[in-house]
Amino acid sequence: MIFLFVAIITAVLSGIVLTIATDTAGRSGKWGINLNSVWDMVQGKGLLRKVPCPQCGREQAPRRMSLKLTESLWGGWTCPDCGTRMDQWGKGKS
């Protein structure tokens, strides 16, 4: 019985990790993490990729206080200059 429980938990966690890895590698989806490549980190660019606004080009702050619940849960920004909403990859949302 315990073996079955451990097997189910392992399968669920593996699926979650695989989803996060797939979305991160493809730079799309809600579950990915917007990371710099290893080469960029060696060059001193930091762990998180910088995201420009698709409308005005302003670079968004990597750490921010989000006012919207969806931005807090899934990432993303609202540009302080033009008000454009974007996801964690920097793509505009409608």
Protein backbone atom coordinates (compact mmCIF):
# COMPACT_ATOMS: atom_id res chain seq x y z
CA MET A 1 0.00 0.00 0.00
CA ILE A 2 2.80 2.42 0.86
CA PHE A 3 4.61 1.46 -2.34
CA LEU A 4 1.53 2.40 -4.39
CA PHE A 5 1.25 5.75 -2.57
CA VAL A 6 4.94 6.51 -3.20
CA ALA A 7 4.60 5.50 -6.86
CA ILE A 8 1.60 7.81 -7.38
CA ILE A 9 3.32 10.76 -5.66
CA THR A 10 6.48 10.15 -7.70
CA ALA A 11 4.49 10.06 -10.96
CA VAL A 12 2.65 13.30 -10.13
CA LEU A 13 5.82 15.15 -9.12
CA SER A 14 7.64 13.88 -12.20
CA GLY A 15 4.83 15.19 -14.38
CA ILE A 16 5.00 18.61 -12.75
CA VAL A 17 8.78 18.81 -13.11
CA LEU A 18 8.54 17.70 -16.75
CA THR A 19 5.89 20.35 -17.47
CA ILE A 20 8.03 23.08 -15.90
CA ALA A 21 11.14 21.92 -17.81
CA THR A 22 9.25 21.74 -21.12
CA ASP A 23 7.70 25.20 -20.75
CA THR A 24 11.05 26.67 -19.67
CA ALA A 25 12.90 25.16 -22.64
CA GLY A 26 10.19 26.28 -25.07
CA ARG A 27 9.86 29.72 -23.45
CA SER A 28 6.09 29.51 -23.49
CA GLY A 29 3.25 28.41 -21.27
CA LYS A 30 2.28 29.27 -17.71
CA TRP A 31 4.52 26.80 -15.90
CA GLY A 32 7.95 27.81 -17.26
CA ILE A 33 10.60 29.89 -15.51
CA ASN A 34 12.17 32.69 -17.55
CA LEU A 35 15.86 31.90 -16.99
CA ASN A 36 18.99 33.09 -18.77
CA SER A 37 21.15 30.53 -20.49
CA VAL A 38 24.22 29.21 -18.69
CA TRP A 39 26.42 31.20 -21.07
CA ASP A 40 24.59 34.44 -20.16
CA MET A 41 25.00 33.68 -16.45
CA VAL A 42 28.75 33.10 -16.94
CA GLN A 43 28.92 36.52 -18.60
CA GLY A 44 27.36 38.05 -15.48
CA LYS A 45 23.80 38.69 -16.67
CA GLY A 46 22.16 37.03 -13.67
CA LEU A 47 19.75 34.15 -13.28
CA LEU A 48 16.51 35.72 -14.52
CA ARG A 49 16.10 36.97 -18.09
CA LYS A 50 15.28 40.67 -18.52
CA VAL A 51 11.96 41.28 -20.20
CA PRO A 52 11.28 44.38 -22.36
CA CYS A 53 7.79 45.74 -22.87
CA PRO A 54 6.48 44.70 -26.33
CA GLN A 55 4.82 48.11 -26.79
CA CYS A 56 7.34 50.72 -25.59
CA GLY A 57 10.50 48.63 -25.06
CA ARG A 58 11.01 49.57 -21.39
CA GLU A 59 12.89 46.89 -19.46
CA GLN A 60 10.76 45.46 -16.65
CA ALA A 61 12.06 45.04 -13.11
CA PRO A 62 12.86 41.37 -12.28
CA ARG A 63 11.44 41.73 -8.77
CA ARG A 64 8.23 43.65 -8.31
CA MET A 65 5.12 43.94 -6.19
CA SER A 66 2.27 42.78 -8.37
CA LEU A 67 -1.16 44.31 -7.95
CA LYS A 68 -3.00 41.60 -9.86
CA LEU A 69 -3.52 38.09 -8.52
CA THR A 70 -2.84 36.40 -11.87
CA GLU A 71 0.51 38.19 -12.17
CA SER A 72 1.42 37.09 -8.65
CA LEU A 73 0.53 33.45 -9.36
CA TRP A 74 1.75 33.00 -12.94
CA GLY A 75 4.24 35.84 -13.42
CA GLY A 76 4.08 38.72 -15.81
CA TRP A 77 4.12 42.49 -15.67
CA THR A 78 2.06 45.56 -16.32
CA CYS A 79 4.34 48.20 -17.86
CA PRO A 80 4.42 51.31 -15.66
CA ASP A 81 4.97 53.58 -18.69
CA CYS A 82 2.34 52.43 -21.20
CA GLY A 83 0.15 50.04 -19.15
CA THR A 84 0.66 47.04 -21.46
CA ARG A 85 0.06 43.69 -19.75
CA MET A 86 2.51 40.92 -20.61
CA ASP A 87 3.25 37.38 -19.52
CA GLN A 88 6.49 36.17 -17.93
CA TRP A 89 8.03 35.74 -21.39
CA GLY A 90 7.40 39.37 -22.43
CA LYS A 91 4.58 38.61 -24.86
CA GLY A 92 1.65 41.03 -24.77
CA LYS A 93 -1.67 39.85 -23.34
CA SER A 94 -5.04 41.08 -24.48
